Amino acid sequence: EYPTIEKHQNNTYDQNSVDRAMLEWQLMYETKREEHLAAQDELRKVKADLEEFQQESGELEQALEEQVAALEEQVSELSDEKLTLQHELEAVRDKSAEQVRQAHEQTLQYQQRVAALEKLEREMKVQIRQLENENHNLEMQTRISTASKEMLTEKLFSAEEQAVLLGHELDDIKNARLEEIQRLKDRLKEMEQQLE
């Protein structure tokens, strides 16, 4: 609620009311100015934090993408190797009866290798899913930080507008006071002339 100035019956401003209104306007102006400066400081801090976070998250995201690509390449290579071993295993099984003992030993070795590769493949797929989840979380945090920056920017803009309005109102009150003082001086001069 803005301060008001009372008038006398002869349509002149009450001096006490003018002084009180000017003091209230000055207090409101200083309050809004402090809020404006605080909002600017907070915005600068958020911008700095956001830039640092975006840089760190970008580097981490790039590193995660590189790890995912490397793991996917390893999985592909392991899958090819697994397929090759399976073909070799089938070829060993087709050998003649004279090579049954040797083929049996080789079969056990290949089965163990295939089992180890399948286990490693499952573990790498789990790691890929975990990295993808971490990447998704980083993207969500980036969006949240961006939204906070936009909200603070809007608050700063609103505080600037209010500060400008209060400055205009304060100028109007000062002008009204100067006009009232001049009017009183003129009235006093007229009375002195009449007394002479």
C-alpha atoms as a PDB file:
ATOM      1  CA  GLU A   1       0.000   0.000   0.000  1.00  0.00           C
ATOM      2  CA  TYR A   2       1.475   3.347  -1.076  1.00  0.00           C
ATOM      3  CA  PRO A   3       1.641   6.381   1.315  1.00  0.00           C
ATOM      4  CA  THR A   4      -0.964   9.112   0.946  1.00  0.00           C
ATOM      5  CA  ILE A   5      -0.736  12.894   1.441  1.00  0.00           C
ATOM      6  CA  GLU A   6      -3.484  14.718   3.289  1.00  0.00           C
ATOM      7  CA  LYS A   7      -4.810  18.080   2.071  1.00  0.00           C
ATOM      8  CA  HIS A   8      -6.260  21.050   3.936  1.00  0.00           C
ATOM      9  CA  GLN A   9      -9.686  22.405   3.132  1.00  0.00           C
ATOM     10  CA  ASN A  10      -8.084  25.112   0.965  1.00  0.00           C
ATOM     11  CA  ASN A  11      -6.650  22.304  -1.226  1.00  0.00           C
ATOM     12  CA  THR A  12      -3.068  22.721   0.080  1.00  0.00           C
ATOM     13  CA  TYR A  13      -0.931  19.844   1.286  1.00  0.00           C
ATOM     14  CA  ASP A  14      -0.416  19.197   4.969  1.00  0.00           C
ATOM     15  CA  GLN A  15       3.298  19.630   5.652  1.00  0.00           C
ATOM     16  CA  ASN A  16       3.488  16.847   8.242  1.00  0.00           C
ATOM     17  CA  SER A  17       1.659  14.543   5.857  1.00  0.00           C
ATOM     18  CA  VAL A  18       4.092  15.440   3.069  1.00  0.00           C
ATOM     19  CA  ASP A  19       7.135  14.809   5.302  1.00  0.00           C
ATOM     20  CA  ARG A  20       5.690  11.523   6.555  1.00  0.00           C
ATOM     21  CA  ALA A  21       4.865  10.405   3.017  1.00  0.00           C
ATOM     22  CA  MET A  22       8.344  11.267   1.795  1.00  0.00           C
ATOM     23  CA  LEU A  23       9.901   9.287   4.636  1.00  0.00           C
ATOM     24  CA  GLU A  24       7.676   6.285   3.882  1.00  0.00           C
ATOM     25  CA  TRP A  25       8.495   6.491   0.175  1.00  0.00           C
ATOM     26  CA  GLN A  26      12.206   6.675   0.955  1.00  0.00           C
ATOM     27  CA  LEU A  27      11.959   3.625   3.238  1.00  0.00           C
ATOM     28  CA  MET A  28      10.036   1.706   0.580  1.00  0.00           C
ATOM     29  CA  TYR A  29      12.579   2.722  -2.038  1.00  0.00           C
ATOM     30  CA  GLU A  30      15.520   1.584   0.110  1.00  0.00           C
ATOM     31  CA  THR A  31      13.760  -1.716   0.877  1.00  0.00           C
ATOM     32  CA  LYS A  32      13.085  -2.420  -2.793  1.00  0.00           C
ATOM     33  CA  ARG A  33      16.619  -1.378  -3.662  1.00  0.00           C
ATOM     34  CA  GLU A  34      18.062  -3.828  -1.127  1.00  0.00           C
ATOM     35  CA  GLU A  35      15.778  -6.575  -2.450  1.00  0.00           C
ATOM     36  CA  HIS A  36      16.920  -5.725  -5.967  1.00  0.00           C
ATOM     37  CA  LEU A  37      20.604  -5.920  -4.999  1.00  0.00           C
ATOM     38  CA  ALA A  38      20.021  -9.195  -3.131  1.00  0.00           C
ATOM     39  CA  ALA A  39      18.261 -10.651  -6.152  1.00  0.00           C
ATOM     40  CA  GLN A  40      21.166  -9.584  -8.377  1.00  0.00           C
ATOM     41  CA  ASP A  41      23.680 -11.242  -6.030  1.00  0.00           C
ATOM     42  CA  GLU A  42      21.600 -14.417  -5.897  1.00  0.00           C
ATOM     43  CA  LEU A  43      21.254 -14.445  -9.689  1.00  0.00           C
ATOM     44  CA  ARG A  44      25.004 -14.026 -10.152  1.00  0.00           C
ATOM     45  CA  LYS A  45      25.628 -16.860  -7.723  1.00  0.00           C
ATOM     46  CA  VAL A  46      23.101 -19.127  -9.442  1.00  0.00           C
ATOM     47  CA  LYS A  47      24.584 -18.269 -12.855  1.00  0.00           C
ATOM     48  CA  ALA A  48      28.083 -19.123 -11.623  1.00  0.00           C
ATOM     49  CA  ASP A  49      26.865 -22.361 -10.003  1.00  0.00           C
ATOM     50  CA  LEU A  50      24.925 -23.240 -13.152  1.00  0.00           C
ATOM     51  CA  GLU A  51      27.897 -22.609 -15.428  1.00  0.00           C
ATOM     52  CA  GLU A  52      30.152 -24.683 -13.180  1.00  0.00           C
ATOM     53  CA  PHE A  53      27.564 -27.451 -12.949  1.00  0.00           C
ATOM     54  CA  GLN A  54      26.961 -27.438 -16.722  1.00  0.00           C
ATOM     55  CA  GLN A  55      30.686 -27.627 -17.377  1.00  0.00           C
ATOM     56  CA  GLU A  56      31.173 -30.465 -14.902  1.00  0.00           C
ATOM     57  CA  SER A  57      28.069 -32.323 -16.041  1.00  0.00           C
ATOM     58  CA  GLY A  58      29.102 -31.865 -19.686  1.00  0.00           C
ATOM     59  CA  GLU A  59      32.522 -33.336 -18.981  1.00  0.00           C
ATOM     60  CA  LEU A  60      31.024 -36.176 -16.974  1.00  0.00           C
ATOM     61  CA  GLU A  61      28.386 -36.806 -19.633  1.00  0.00           C
ATOM     62  CA  GLN A  62      31.067 -36.971 -22.306  1.00  0.00           C
ATOM     63  CA  ALA A  63      33.113 -39.361 -20.179  1.00  0.00           C
ATOM     64  CA  LEU A  64      30.048 -41.544 -19.566  1.00  0.00           C
ATOM     65  CA  GLU A  65      29.230 -41.583 -23.260  1.00  0.00           C
ATOM     66  CA  GLU A  66      32.788 -42.634 -24.028  1.00  0.00           C
ATOM     67  CA  GLN A  67      32.569 -45.410 -21.420  1.00  0.00           C
ATOM     68  CA  VAL A  68      29.247 -46.575 -22.817  1.00  0.00           C
ATOM     69  CA  ALA A  69      30.660 -46.627 -26.347  1.00  0.00           C
ATOM     70  CA  ALA A  70      33.729 -48.559 -25.174  1.00  0.00           C
ATOM     71  CA  LEU A  71      31.611 -51.083 -23.266  1.00  0.00           C
ATOM     72  CA  GLU A  72      29.274 -51.528 -26.213  1.00  0.00           C
ATOM     73  CA  GLU A  73      32.271 -52.167 -28.442  1.00  0.00           C
ATOM     74  CA  GLN A  74      33.616 -54.731 -25.952  1.00  0.00           C
ATOM     75  CA  VAL A  75      30.215 -56.423 -25.760  1.00  0.00           C
ATOM     76  CA  SER A  76      30.120 -56.626 -29.553  1.00  0.00           C
ATOM     77  CA  GLU A  77      33.613 -58.086 -29.672  1.00  0.00           C
ATOM     78  CA  LEU A  78      32.760 -60.568 -26.918  1.00  0.00           C
ATOM     79  CA  SER A  79      29.570 -61.559 -28.715  1.00  0.00           C
ATOM     80  CA  ASP A  80      31.575 -62.223 -31.888  1.00  0.00           C
ATOM     81  CA  GLU A  81      34.117 -64.159 -29.909  1.00  0.00           C
ATOM     82  CA  LYS A  82      31.340 -66.142 -28.228  1.00  0.00           C
ATOM     83  CA  LEU A  83      29.792 -66.956 -31.590  1.00  0.00           C
ATOM     84  CA  THR A  84      33.173 -68.029 -32.962  1.00  0.00           C
ATOM     85  CA  LEU A  85      33.789 -70.257 -29.956  1.00  0.00           C
ATOM     86  CA  GLN A  86      30.355 -71.787 -30.331  1.00  0.00           C
ATOM     87  CA  HIS A  87      31.115 -72.617 -33.983  1.00  0.00           C
ATOM     88  CA  GLU A  88      34.429 -74.121 -32.984  1.00  0.00           C
ATOM     89  CA  LEU A  89      32.660 -76.095 -30.268  1.00  0.00           C
ATOM     90  CA  GLU A  90      30.242 -77.527 -32.822  1.00  0.00           C
ATOM     91  CA  ALA A  91      33.142 -78.406 -35.109  1.00  0.00           C
ATOM     92  CA  VAL A  92      34.900 -80.233 -32.275  1.00  0.00           C
ATOM     93  CA  ARG A  93      31.771 -82.263 -31.573  1.00  0.00           C
ATOM     94  CA  ASP A  94      31.693 -83.361 -35.211  1.00  0.00           C
ATOM     95  CA  LYS A  95      35.183 -84.868 -35.110  1.00  0.00           C
ATOM     96  CA  SER A  96      35.708 -88.538 -35.413  1.00  0.00           C
ATOM     97  CA  ALA A  97      35.439 -91.015 -32.581  1.00  0.00           C
ATOM     98  CA  GLU A  98      39.231 -91.369 -32.520  1.00  0.00           C
ATOM     99  CA  GLN A  99      39.490 -87.799 -31.263  1.00  0.00           C
ATOM    100  CA  VAL A 100      36.720 -88.181 -28.658  1.00  0.00           C
ATOM    101  CA  ARG A 101      38.995 -87.815 -25.646  1.00  0.00           C
ATOM    102  CA  GLN A 102      40.828 -84.804 -27.010  1.00  0.00           C
ATOM    103  CA  ALA A 103      37.571 -83.301 -28.244  1.00  0.00           C
ATOM    104  CA  HIS A 104      36.003 -83.854 -24.817  1.00  0.00           C
ATOM    105  CA  GLU A 105      38.826 -81.933 -23.127  1.00  0.00           C
ATOM    106  CA  GLN A 106      38.605 -79.121 -25.628  1.00  0.00           C
ATOM    107  CA  THR A 107      34.835 -79.046 -25.206  1.00  0.00           C
ATOM    108  CA  LEU A 108      35.161 -78.532 -21.469  1.00  0.00           C
ATOM    109  CA  GLN A 109      37.636 -75.700 -22.020  1.00  0.00           C
ATOM    110  CA  TYR A 110      35.401 -73.994 -24.568  1.00  0.00           C
ATOM    111  CA  GLN A 111      32.332 -74.358 -22.344  1.00  0.00           C
ATOM    112  CA  GLN A 112      34.140 -72.709 -19.476  1.00  0.00           C
ATOM    113  CA  ARG A 113      35.303 -69.898 -21.742  1.00  0.00           C
ATOM    114  CA  VAL A 114      31.785 -69.397 -23.112  1.00  0.00           C
ATOM    115  CA  ALA A 115      30.320 -69.332 -19.588  1.00  0.00           C
ATOM    116  CA  ALA A 116      32.895 -66.738 -18.497  1.00  0.00           C
ATOM    117  CA  LEU A 117      32.162 -64.613 -21.562  1.00  0.00           C
ATOM    118  CA  GLU A 118      28.397 -64.822 -20.995  1.00  0.00           C
ATOM    119  CA  LYS A 119      28.855 -63.758 -17.374  1.00  0.00           C
ATOM    120  CA  LEU A 120      31.102 -60.892 -18.438  1.00  0.00           C
ATOM    121  CA  GLU A 121      28.572 -59.883 -21.082  1.00  0.00           C
ATOM    122  CA  ARG A 122      25.765 -59.772 -18.498  1.00  0.00           C
ATOM    123  CA  GLU A 123      27.907 -57.681 -16.135  1.00  0.00           C
ATOM    124  CA  MET A 124      28.754 -55.215 -18.899  1.00  0.00           C
ATOM    125  CA  LYS A 125      25.097 -54.876 -19.881  1.00  0.00           C
ATOM    126  CA  VAL A 126      24.286 -54.039 -16.243  1.00  0.00           C
ATOM    127  CA  GLN A 127      27.062 -51.415 -16.248  1.00  0.00           C
ATOM    128  CA  ILE A 128      25.666 -49.920 -19.449  1.00  0.00           C
ATOM    129  CA  ARG A 129      22.200 -49.616 -17.889  1.00  0.00           C
ATOM    130  CA  GLN A 130      23.691 -47.968 -14.787  1.00  0.00           C
ATOM    131  CA  LEU A 131      25.630 -45.466 -16.897  1.00  0.00           C
ATOM    132  CA  GLU A 132      22.528 -44.659 -18.920  1.00  0.00           C
ATOM    133  CA  ASN A 133      20.582 -44.005 -15.680  1.00  0.00           C
ATOM    134  CA  GLU A 134      23.349 -41.718 -14.393  1.00  0.00           C
ATOM    135  CA  ASN A 135      23.321 -39.837 -17.687  1.00  0.00           C
ATOM    136  CA  HIS A 136      19.533 -39.414 -17.436  1.00  0.00           C
ATOM    137  CA  ASN A 137      19.828 -38.081 -13.869  1.00  0.00           C
ATOM    138  CA  LEU A 138      22.421 -35.532 -14.983  1.00  0.00           C
ATOM    139  CA  GLU A 139      20.107 -34.313 -17.727  1.00  0.00           C
ATOM    140  CA  MET A 140      17.256 -33.903 -15.197  1.00  0.00           C
ATOM    141  CA  GLN A 141      19.487 -31.918 -12.811  1.00  0.00           C
ATOM    142  CA  THR A 142      20.549 -29.643 -15.684  1.00  0.00           C
ATOM    143  CA  ARG A 143      16.906 -28.919 -16.561  1.00  0.00           C
ATOM    144  CA  ILE A 144      16.084 -28.159 -12.907  1.00  0.00           C
ATOM    145  CA  SER A 145      19.036 -25.726 -12.637  1.00  0.00           C
ATOM    146  CA  THR A 146      17.960 -23.982 -15.829  1.00  0.00           C
ATOM    147  CA  ALA A 147      14.406 -23.559 -14.488  1.00  0.00           C
ATOM    148  CA  SER A 148      15.776 -22.036 -11.231  1.00  0.00           C
ATOM    149  CA  LYS A 149      17.815 -19.540 -13.230  1.00  0.00           C
ATOM    150  CA  GLU A 150      14.762 -18.484 -15.234  1.00  0.00           C
ATOM    151  CA  MET A 151      12.688 -18.005 -12.063  1.00  0.00           C
ATOM    152  CA  LEU A 152      15.358 -15.783 -10.457  1.00  0.00           C
ATOM    153  CA  THR A 153      15.665 -13.774 -13.670  1.00  0.00           C
ATOM    154  CA  GLU A 154      11.928 -13.081 -13.561  1.00  0.00           C
ATOM    155  CA  LYS A 155      12.142 -11.994  -9.904  1.00  0.00           C
ATOM    156  CA  LEU A 156      15.030  -9.643 -10.715  1.00  0.00           C
ATOM    157  CA  PHE A 157      13.113  -8.089 -13.597  1.00  0.00           C
ATOM    158  CA  SER A 158      10.066  -7.537 -11.345  1.00  0.00           C
ATOM    159  CA  ALA A 159      12.215  -5.941  -8.626  1.00  0.00           C
ATOM    160  CA  GLU A 160      13.800  -3.596 -11.183  1.00  0.00           C
ATOM    161  CA  GLU A 161      10.368  -2.485 -12.408  1.00  0.00           C
ATOM    162  CA  GLN A 162       9.179  -1.791  -8.848  1.00  0.00           C
ATOM    163  CA  ALA A 163      12.345   0.196  -8.099  1.00  0.00           C
ATOM    164  CA  VAL A 164      11.785   2.377 -11.177  1.00  0.00           C
ATOM    165  CA  LEU A 165       8.144   3.009 -10.196  1.00  0.00           C
ATOM    166  CA  LEU A 166       9.107   3.961  -6.656  1.00  0.00           C
ATOM    167  CA  GLY A 167      11.757   6.336  -8.003  1.00  0.00           C
ATOM    168  CA  HIS A 168       9.150   8.131 -10.126  1.00  0.00           C
ATOM    169  CA  GLU A 169       6.735   8.375  -7.188  1.00  0.00           C
ATOM    170  CA  LEU A 170       9.484   9.825  -4.972  1.00  0.00           C
ATOM    171  CA  ASP A 171      10.285  12.472  -7.595  1.00  0.00           C
ATOM    172  CA  ASP A 172       6.601  13.482  -7.715  1.00  0.00           C
ATOM    173  CA  ILE A 173       6.470  13.920  -3.941  1.00  0.00           C
ATOM    174  CA  LYS A 174       9.642  16.046  -3.955  1.00  0.00           C
ATOM    175  CA  ASN A 175       8.200  18.289  -6.648  1.00  0.00           C
ATOM    176  CA  ALA A 176       4.942  18.707  -4.707  1.00  0.00           C
ATOM    177  CA  ARG A 177       6.873  19.677  -1.590  1.00  0.00           C
ATOM    178  CA  LEU A 178       8.928  22.248  -3.483  1.00  0.00           C
ATOM    179  CA  GLU A 179       5.773  23.742  -4.952  1.00  0.00           C
ATOM    180  CA  GLU A 180       4.182  23.988  -1.469  1.00  0.00           C
ATOM    181  CA  ILE A 181       7.305  25.681  -0.044  1.00  0.00           C
ATOM    182  CA  GLN A 182       7.355  28.187  -2.876  1.00  0.00           C
ATOM    183  CA  ARG A 183       3.657  28.900  -2.370  1.00  0.00           C
ATOM    184  CA  LEU A 184       4.229  29.544   1.341  1.00  0.00           C
ATOM    185  CA  LYS A 185       7.152  31.852   0.556  1.00  0.00           C
ATOM    186  CA  ASP A 186       5.000  33.803  -1.868  1.00  0.00           C
ATOM    187  CA  ARG A 187       2.205  34.071   0.721  1.00  0.00           C
ATOM    188  CA  LEU A 188       4.658  35.262   3.371  1.00  0.00           C
ATOM    189  CA  LYS A 189       6.044  37.882   1.021  1.00  0.00           C
ATOM    190  CA  GLU A 190       2.530  39.163   0.271  1.00  0.00           C
ATOM    191  CA  MET A 191       1.736  39.435   3.986  1.00  0.00           C
ATOM    192  CA  GLU A 192       4.982  41.347   4.645  1.00  0.00           C
ATOM    193  CA  GLN A 193       4.120  43.738   1.868  1.00  0.00           C
ATOM    194  CA  GLN A 194       0.657  44.298   3.311  1.00  0.00           C
ATOM    195  CA  LEU A 195       2.097  44.992   6.741  1.00  0.00           C
ATOM    196  CA  GLU A 196       4.442  47.616   5.294  1.00  0.00           C
END
